[in-house]
Amino acid sequence: MVRINFHEELETAERGLLAEGGLVRGQLENVMRSLDGRDVDLAHHVLTEDDRVDDIYLATDARILNLLALQAPVAGDLRLVSAILHCNLHIERMGDLCVNIAKFVLNREPYPVDSPMLTRLDEMGERAAEMLDLSLSAFAQRSAELAEELPTRDDALDRLNRGMLDDLKAYVNDEESFEWSSKLLLVARYLERFGDHAVDIGEQVSFLVTGIFREFEDASHGELPAT
């Protein structure tokens, strides 16, 4: 009976993790809409909804730590416990990045909504959302194959981020425009970091499935067998 309760708690923790990811997915969509339209009401909504993300994060974290304290998970169960613990943190930080973008909107920077930089940011937001979707699907399906698609997706997101510097050059001789455009670079950085967290989730999925941890973005680290 103890093991049955253990697995019920583990399943509840996983459902919480995936629900948290779905909520952050909505946060990203909303914050990009608020950025496009300089919609401060929607930006405020993103800030408010972050409390829900934090609540799920804390509940999932507490449930997993309780399982570690009261049970002795081994093998696949231990890997799942570890993966949920790590992914929970990555998803919560993704939510924080959405909050950072919302705060940028609330600062009422005078950026024009028809700037090419906004167009690039829109594409970055779409790519970041796709990466979150892919990472959550990989986790739910226990698919290392899906997880291993994430670095390629991240490369495309990184290229868009670097392209923001080229867009910035158009404003270099206009002090006022250069100020807001340079701050848009920070928004791009938040989206780039969002993608990095998705890759980190993919690494946890790969570890969960194979029992071998490796960093997708740097093969020089090699593979670390599970202990």
C-alpha atoms as a PDB file:
ATOM      1  CA  MET A   1       0.000   0.000   0.000  1.00  0.00           C
ATOM      2  CA  VAL A   2       2.886   2.371   0.742  1.00  0.00           C
ATOM      3  CA  ARG A   3       4.261   2.008  -2.779  1.00  0.00           C
ATOM      4  CA  ILE A   4       0.803   2.588  -4.263  1.00  0.00           C
ATOM      5  CA  ASN A   5       0.514   5.840  -2.321  1.00  0.00           C
ATOM      6  CA  PHE A   6       4.004   6.746  -3.415  1.00  0.00           C
ATOM      7  CA  HIS A   7       3.132   6.344  -7.076  1.00  0.00           C
ATOM      8  CA  GLU A   8      -0.127   8.227  -6.634  1.00  0.00           C
ATOM      9  CA  GLU A   9       1.804  11.128  -5.140  1.00  0.00           C
ATOM     10  CA  LEU A  10       4.340  10.932  -7.966  1.00  0.00           C
ATOM     11  CA  GLU A  11       1.582  11.026 -10.563  1.00  0.00           C
ATOM     12  CA  THR A  12       0.007  14.002  -8.810  1.00  0.00           C
ATOM     13  CA  ALA A  13       3.344  15.804  -8.850  1.00  0.00           C
ATOM     14  CA  GLU A  14       3.748  15.143 -12.559  1.00  0.00           C
ATOM     15  CA  ARG A  15       0.244  16.406 -13.310  1.00  0.00           C
ATOM     16  CA  GLY A  16       1.069  19.546 -11.355  1.00  0.00           C
ATOM     17  CA  LEU A  17       4.266  20.000 -13.332  1.00  0.00           C
ATOM     18  CA  LEU A  18       2.483  19.716 -16.678  1.00  0.00           C
ATOM     19  CA  ALA A  19      -0.302  22.035 -15.495  1.00  0.00           C
ATOM     20  CA  GLU A  20       2.329  24.565 -14.451  1.00  0.00           C
ATOM     21  CA  GLY A  21       3.889  24.296 -17.892  1.00  0.00           C
ATOM     22  CA  GLY A  22       0.531  24.886 -19.556  1.00  0.00           C
ATOM     23  CA  LEU A  23      -0.032  27.946 -17.414  1.00  0.00           C
ATOM     24  CA  VAL A  24       3.371  29.367 -18.334  1.00  0.00           C
ATOM     25  CA  ARG A  25       2.570  28.674 -21.991  1.00  0.00           C
ATOM     26  CA  GLY A  26      -0.457  30.941 -21.603  1.00  0.00           C
ATOM     27  CA  GLN A  27       1.665  33.511 -19.795  1.00  0.00           C
ATOM     28  CA  LEU A  28       4.074  33.666 -22.712  1.00  0.00           C
ATOM     29  CA  GLU A  29       1.257  34.109 -25.213  1.00  0.00           C
ATOM     30  CA  ASN A  30      -0.320  36.869 -23.144  1.00  0.00           C
ATOM     31  CA  VAL A  31       2.896  38.758 -22.525  1.00  0.00           C
ATOM     32  CA  MET A  32       3.771  38.736 -26.223  1.00  0.00           C
ATOM     33  CA  ARG A  33       0.317  40.112 -27.005  1.00  0.00           C
ATOM     34  CA  SER A  34       0.817  42.801 -24.385  1.00  0.00           C
ATOM     35  CA  LEU A  35       4.186  43.672 -25.932  1.00  0.00           C
ATOM     36  CA  ASP A  36       2.730  43.908 -29.443  1.00  0.00           C
ATOM     37  CA  GLY A  37      -0.084  46.223 -28.391  1.00  0.00           C
ATOM     38  CA  ARG A  38       1.562  47.955 -25.424  1.00  0.00           C
ATOM     39  CA  ASP A  39      -1.358  46.537 -23.454  1.00  0.00           C
ATOM     40  CA  VAL A  40      -0.670  47.410 -19.820  1.00  0.00           C
ATOM     41  CA  ASP A  41      -3.846  45.709 -18.576  1.00  0.00           C
ATOM     42  CA  LEU A  42      -2.752  42.420 -20.085  1.00  0.00           C
ATOM     43  CA  ALA A  43       0.733  42.945 -18.679  1.00  0.00           C
ATOM     44  CA  HIS A  44      -0.793  43.403 -15.221  1.00  0.00           C
ATOM     45  CA  HIS A  45      -2.720  40.173 -15.750  1.00  0.00           C
ATOM     46  CA  VAL A  46       0.552  38.357 -16.437  1.00  0.00           C
ATOM     47  CA  LEU A  47       1.926  39.632 -13.130  1.00  0.00           C
ATOM     48  CA  THR A  48      -1.167  38.467 -11.277  1.00  0.00           C
ATOM     49  CA  GLU A  49      -1.177  35.039 -12.910  1.00  0.00           C
ATOM     50  CA  ASP A  50       2.427  34.496 -11.844  1.00  0.00           C
ATOM     51  CA  ASP A  51       1.079  33.877  -8.339  1.00  0.00           C
ATOM     52  CA  ARG A  52      -0.702  30.791  -9.703  1.00  0.00           C
ATOM     53  CA  VAL A  53       2.515  29.595 -11.303  1.00  0.00           C
ATOM     54  CA  ASP A  54       4.353  30.063  -8.024  1.00  0.00           C
ATOM     55  CA  ASP A  55       1.634  28.223  -6.093  1.00  0.00           C
ATOM     56  CA  ILE A  56       1.887  25.166  -8.333  1.00  0.00           C
ATOM     57  CA  TYR A  57       5.671  25.336  -8.213  1.00  0.00           C
ATOM     58  CA  LEU A  58       5.718  25.393  -4.420  1.00  0.00           C
ATOM     59  CA  ALA A  59       3.122  22.619  -4.098  1.00  0.00           C
ATOM     60  CA  THR A  60       4.992  20.373  -6.525  1.00  0.00           C
ATOM     61  CA  ASP A  61       8.316  21.107  -4.879  1.00  0.00           C
ATOM     62  CA  ALA A  62       6.909  20.298  -1.431  1.00  0.00           C
ATOM     63  CA  ARG A  63       5.331  17.070  -2.673  1.00  0.00           C
ATOM     64  CA  ILE A  64       8.581  15.872  -4.239  1.00  0.00           C
ATOM     65  CA  LEU A  65      10.690  16.778  -1.212  1.00  0.00           C
ATOM     66  CA  ASN A  66       8.195  14.955   0.994  1.00  0.00           C
ATOM     67  CA  LEU A  67       8.531  11.851  -1.157  1.00  0.00           C
ATOM     68  CA  LEU A  68      12.300  12.012  -0.876  1.00  0.00           C
ATOM     69  CA  ALA A  69      12.088  12.410   2.897  1.00  0.00           C
ATOM     70  CA  LEU A  70       9.556   9.654   3.556  1.00  0.00           C
ATOM     71  CA  GLN A  71      10.259   7.150   0.798  1.00  0.00           C
ATOM     72  CA  ALA A  72      13.332   5.596  -0.732  1.00  0.00           C
ATOM     73  CA  PRO A  73      12.801   5.860  -4.489  1.00  0.00           C
ATOM     74  CA  VAL A  74      15.161   3.823  -6.622  1.00  0.00           C
ATOM     75  CA  ALA A  75      16.027   3.358 -10.300  1.00  0.00           C
ATOM     76  CA  GLY A  76      13.331   4.769 -12.597  1.00  0.00           C
ATOM     77  CA  ASP A  77      11.308   6.224  -9.740  1.00  0.00           C
ATOM     78  CA  LEU A  78      14.331   8.108  -8.470  1.00  0.00           C
ATOM     79  CA  ARG A  79      15.045   9.491 -11.925  1.00  0.00           C
ATOM     80  CA  LEU A  80      11.444  10.646 -12.248  1.00  0.00           C
ATOM     81  CA  VAL A  81      11.566  12.333  -8.843  1.00  0.00           C
ATOM     82  CA  SER A  82      14.784  14.094  -9.835  1.00  0.00           C
ATOM     83  CA  ALA A  83      13.435  15.088 -13.259  1.00  0.00           C
ATOM     84  CA  ILE A  84      10.253  16.586 -11.803  1.00  0.00           C
ATOM     85  CA  LEU A  85      12.248  18.511  -9.212  1.00  0.00           C
ATOM     86  CA  HIS A  86      14.566  20.012 -11.838  1.00  0.00           C
ATOM     87  CA  CYS A  87      11.888  20.674 -14.468  1.00  0.00           C
ATOM     88  CA  ASN A  88       9.651  22.307 -11.893  1.00  0.00           C
ATOM     89  CA  LEU A  89      12.353  24.898 -11.263  1.00  0.00           C
ATOM     90  CA  HIS A  90      12.946  25.507 -14.972  1.00  0.00           C
ATOM     91  CA  ILE A  91       9.236  26.078 -15.619  1.00  0.00           C
ATOM     92  CA  GLU A  92       8.941  28.469 -12.688  1.00  0.00           C
ATOM     93  CA  ARG A  93      11.871  30.463 -14.051  1.00  0.00           C
ATOM     94  CA  MET A  94      10.219  30.567 -17.463  1.00  0.00           C
ATOM     95  CA  GLY A  95       7.259  32.161 -15.723  1.00  0.00           C
ATOM     96  CA  ASP A  96       9.586  34.707 -14.155  1.00  0.00           C
ATOM     97  CA  LEU A  97      10.912  35.608 -17.602  1.00  0.00           C
ATOM     98  CA  CYS A  98       7.348  36.325 -18.722  1.00  0.00           C
ATOM     99  CA  VAL A  99       7.011  38.599 -15.697  1.00  0.00           C
ATOM    100  CA  ASN A 100      10.183  40.441 -16.711  1.00  0.00           C
ATOM    101  CA  ILE A 101       8.731  41.130 -20.157  1.00  0.00           C
ATOM    102  CA  ALA A 102       5.456  42.275 -18.598  1.00  0.00           C
ATOM    103  CA  LYS A 103       7.367  44.737 -16.411  1.00  0.00           C
ATOM    104  CA  PHE A 104       9.036  46.111 -19.531  1.00  0.00           C
ATOM    105  CA  VAL A 105       5.606  46.783 -21.012  1.00  0.00           C
ATOM    106  CA  LEU A 106       4.475  48.423 -17.778  1.00  0.00           C
ATOM    107  CA  ASN A 107       7.462  50.777 -17.915  1.00  0.00           C
ATOM    108  CA  ARG A 108       5.741  52.318 -20.947  1.00  0.00           C
ATOM    109  CA  GLU A 109       8.865  52.572 -23.067  1.00  0.00           C
ATOM    110  CA  PRO A 110       8.057  54.587 -26.228  1.00  0.00           C
ATOM    111  CA  TYR A 111       8.851  51.812 -28.693  1.00  0.00           C
ATOM    112  CA  PRO A 112       6.832  51.846 -31.938  1.00  0.00           C
ATOM    113  CA  VAL A 113       4.738  48.735 -32.466  1.00  0.00           C
ATOM    114  CA  ASP A 114       5.752  48.677 -36.152  1.00  0.00           C
ATOM    115  CA  SER A 115       9.475  48.415 -35.397  1.00  0.00           C
ATOM    116  CA  PRO A 116      11.260  45.535 -37.163  1.00  0.00           C
ATOM    117  CA  MET A 117      12.562  44.594 -33.735  1.00  0.00           C
ATOM    118  CA  LEU A 118       8.987  43.831 -32.624  1.00  0.00           C
ATOM    119  CA  THR A 119       8.552  41.618 -35.671  1.00  0.00           C
ATOM    120  CA  ARG A 120      11.662  39.687 -34.726  1.00  0.00           C
ATOM    121  CA  LEU A 121      10.530  39.448 -31.114  1.00  0.00           C
ATOM    122  CA  ASP A 122       7.178  38.063 -32.263  1.00  0.00           C
ATOM    123  CA  GLU A 123       8.977  35.281 -34.096  1.00  0.00           C
ATOM    124  CA  MET A 124      11.157  34.634 -31.072  1.00  0.00           C
ATOM    125  CA  GLY A 125       8.042  34.372 -28.922  1.00  0.00           C
ATOM    126  CA  GLU A 126       6.520  31.857 -31.319  1.00  0.00           C
ATOM    127  CA  ARG A 127       9.710  29.778 -31.363  1.00  0.00           C
ATOM    128  CA  ALA A 128       9.967  29.890 -27.570  1.00  0.00           C
ATOM    129  CA  ALA A 129       6.346  28.736 -27.229  1.00  0.00           C
ATOM    130  CA  GLU A 130       6.981  25.852 -29.624  1.00  0.00           C
ATOM    131  CA  MET A 131       9.991  24.818 -27.573  1.00  0.00           C
ATOM    132  CA  LEU A 132       7.968  24.787 -24.359  1.00  0.00           C
ATOM    133  CA  ASP A 133       5.264  22.721 -26.060  1.00  0.00           C
ATOM    134  CA  LEU A 134       7.878  20.289 -27.341  1.00  0.00           C
ATOM    135  CA  SER A 135       9.602  19.939 -23.981  1.00  0.00           C
ATOM    136  CA  LEU A 136       6.303  19.242 -22.192  1.00  0.00           C
ATOM    137  CA  SER A 137       5.282  16.704 -24.832  1.00  0.00           C
ATOM    138  CA  ALA A 138       8.653  15.000 -24.521  1.00  0.00           C
ATOM    139  CA  PHE A 139       8.195  14.770 -20.762  1.00  0.00           C
ATOM    140  CA  ALA A 140       4.619  13.506 -20.926  1.00  0.00           C
ATOM    141  CA  GLN A 141       5.486  10.921 -23.606  1.00  0.00           C
ATOM    142  CA  ARG A 142       8.879   9.980 -22.126  1.00  0.00           C
ATOM    143  CA  SER A 143      10.312  10.668 -25.570  1.00  0.00           C
ATOM    144  CA  ALA A 144      14.061  11.187 -25.816  1.00  0.00           C
ATOM    145  CA  GLU A 145      13.610  11.643 -29.565  1.00  0.00           C
ATOM    146  CA  LEU A 146      11.375  14.681 -29.077  1.00  0.00           C
ATOM    147  CA  ALA A 147      13.716  16.035 -26.422  1.00  0.00           C
ATOM    148  CA  GLU A 148      16.660  15.842 -28.795  1.00  0.00           C
ATOM    149  CA  GLU A 149      14.876  18.140 -31.261  1.00  0.00           C
ATOM    150  CA  LEU A 150      15.156  21.005 -28.785  1.00  0.00           C
ATOM    151  CA  PRO A 151      18.798  22.029 -29.425  1.00  0.00           C
ATOM    152  CA  THR A 152      18.052  22.561 -33.131  1.00  0.00           C
ATOM    153  CA  ARG A 153      15.025  24.661 -32.233  1.00  0.00           C
ATOM    154  CA  ASP A 154      17.195  26.585 -29.793  1.00  0.00           C
ATOM    155  CA  ASP A 155      19.782  27.312 -32.480  1.00  0.00           C
ATOM    156  CA  ALA A 156      17.081  29.059 -34.524  1.00  0.00           C
ATOM    157  CA  LEU A 157      16.027  31.083 -31.493  1.00  0.00           C
ATOM    158  CA  ASP A 158      19.640  32.067 -30.845  1.00  0.00           C
ATOM    159  CA  ARG A 159      20.029  33.260 -34.432  1.00  0.00           C
ATOM    160  CA  LEU A 160      16.991  35.485 -34.066  1.00  0.00           C
ATOM    161  CA  ASN A 161      18.434  36.871 -30.853  1.00  0.00           C
ATOM    162  CA  ARG A 162      21.724  37.720 -32.549  1.00  0.00           C
ATOM    163  CA  GLY A 163      19.798  39.357 -35.380  1.00  0.00           C
ATOM    164  CA  MET A 164      18.448  41.895 -32.909  1.00  0.00           C
ATOM    165  CA  LEU A 165      21.884  43.506 -32.890  1.00  0.00           C
ATOM    166  CA  ASP A 166      21.616  44.131 -36.621  1.00  0.00           C
ATOM    167  CA  ASP A 167      18.202  45.707 -36.099  1.00  0.00           C
ATOM    168  CA  LEU A 168      19.657  47.924 -33.391  1.00  0.00           C
ATOM    169  CA  LYS A 169      22.083  49.490 -35.852  1.00  0.00           C
ATOM    170  CA  ALA A 170      19.220  51.311 -37.550  1.00  0.00           C
ATOM    171  CA  TYR A 171      18.730  53.388 -34.392  1.00  0.00           C
ATOM    172  CA  VAL A 172      22.326  54.046 -33.427  1.00  0.00           C
ATOM    173  CA  ASN A 173      22.279  57.702 -34.543  1.00  0.00           C
ATOM    174  CA  ASP A 174      19.006  58.508 -32.769  1.00  0.00           C
ATOM    175  CA  GLU A 175      19.587  58.787 -29.030  1.00  0.00           C
ATOM    176  CA  GLU A 176      15.933  58.477 -28.017  1.00  0.00           C
ATOM    177  CA  SER A 177      15.239  55.527 -30.315  1.00  0.00           C
ATOM    178  CA  PHE A 178      18.500  53.870 -29.366  1.00  0.00           C
ATOM    179  CA  GLU A 179      17.451  53.895 -25.718  1.00  0.00           C
ATOM    180  CA  TRP A 180      14.215  51.970 -26.182  1.00  0.00           C
ATOM    181  CA  SER A 181      15.655  49.721 -28.880  1.00  0.00           C
ATOM    182  CA  SER A 182      18.542  48.717 -26.637  1.00  0.00           C
ATOM    183  CA  LYS A 183      16.010  47.770 -23.969  1.00  0.00           C
ATOM    184  CA  LEU A 184      14.212  45.582 -26.487  1.00  0.00           C
ATOM    185  CA  LEU A 185      17.442  43.609 -26.607  1.00  0.00           C
ATOM    186  CA  LEU A 186      16.763  42.654 -23.004  1.00  0.00           C
ATOM    187  CA  VAL A 187      13.370  41.300 -24.006  1.00  0.00           C
ATOM    188  CA  ALA A 188      15.088  39.216 -26.674  1.00  0.00           C
ATOM    189  CA  ARG A 189      17.478  37.950 -24.034  1.00  0.00           C
ATOM    190  CA  TYR A 190      14.547  36.884 -21.848  1.00  0.00           C
ATOM    191  CA  LEU A 191      13.099  34.898 -24.747  1.00  0.00           C
ATOM    192  CA  GLU A 192      16.477  33.367 -25.508  1.00  0.00           C
ATOM    193  CA  ARG A 193      16.771  32.261 -21.867  1.00  0.00           C
ATOM    194  CA  PHE A 194      13.231  30.864 -22.079  1.00  0.00           C
ATOM    195  CA  GLY A 195      14.454  28.582 -24.845  1.00  0.00           C
ATOM    196  CA  ASP A 196      17.473  27.553 -22.790  1.00  0.00           C
ATOM    197  CA  HIS A 197      15.169  26.376 -20.011  1.00  0.00           C
ATOM    198  CA  ALA A 198      13.204  24.295 -22.528  1.00  0.00           C
ATOM    199  CA  VAL A 199      16.458  22.631 -23.582  1.00  0.00           C
ATOM    200  CA  ASP A 200      17.259  21.962 -19.928  1.00  0.00           C
ATOM    201  CA  ILE A 201      13.908  20.208 -19.565  1.00  0.00           C
ATOM    202  CA  GLY A 202      14.763  18.144 -22.625  1.00  0.00           C
ATOM    203  CA  GLU A 203      18.017  17.080 -20.984  1.00  0.00           C
ATOM    204  CA  GLN A 204      16.062  15.906 -17.957  1.00  0.00           C
ATOM    205  CA  VAL A 205      13.725  13.907 -20.198  1.00  0.00           C
ATOM    206  CA  SER A 206      16.687  12.253 -21.880  1.00  0.00           C
ATOM    207  CA  PHE A 207      18.113  11.360 -18.471  1.00  0.00           C
ATOM    208  CA  LEU A 208      14.741  10.044 -17.321  1.00  0.00           C
ATOM    209  CA  VAL A 209      14.435   7.771 -20.352  1.00  0.00           C
ATOM    210  CA  THR A 210      18.029   6.602 -20.779  1.00  0.00           C
ATOM    211  CA  GLY A 211      19.530   6.865 -17.297  1.00  0.00           C
ATOM    212  CA  ILE A 212      22.422   8.836 -18.788  1.00  0.00           C
ATOM    213  CA  PHE A 213      22.762  12.582 -18.293  1.00  0.00           C
ATOM    214  CA  ARG A 214      24.341  14.663 -21.015  1.00  0.00           C
ATOM    215  CA  GLU A 215      24.226  18.317 -21.930  1.00  0.00           C
ATOM    216  CA  PHE A 216      22.663  18.713 -25.361  1.00  0.00           C
ATOM    217  CA  GLU A 217      24.423  21.978 -26.161  1.00  0.00           C
ATOM    218  CA  ASP A 218      27.967  20.917 -25.364  1.00  0.00           C
ATOM    219  CA  ALA A 219      28.994  17.418 -26.387  1.00  0.00           C
ATOM    220  CA  SER A 220      32.453  18.007 -24.873  1.00  0.00           C
ATOM    221  CA  HIS A 221      30.960  17.259 -21.471  1.00  0.00           C
ATOM    222  CA  GLY A 222      30.299  13.709 -22.553  1.00  0.00           C
ATOM    223  CA  GLU A 223      27.901  11.442 -20.760  1.00  0.00           C
ATOM    224  CA  LEU A 224      27.476  10.916 -17.056  1.00  0.00           C
ATOM    225  CA  PRO A 225      26.006   7.529 -16.062  1.00  0.00           C
ATOM    226  CA  ALA A 226      23.235   7.479 -13.508  1.00  0.00           C
ATOM    227  CA  THR A 227      24.215   6.513  -9.990  1.00  0.00           C
END
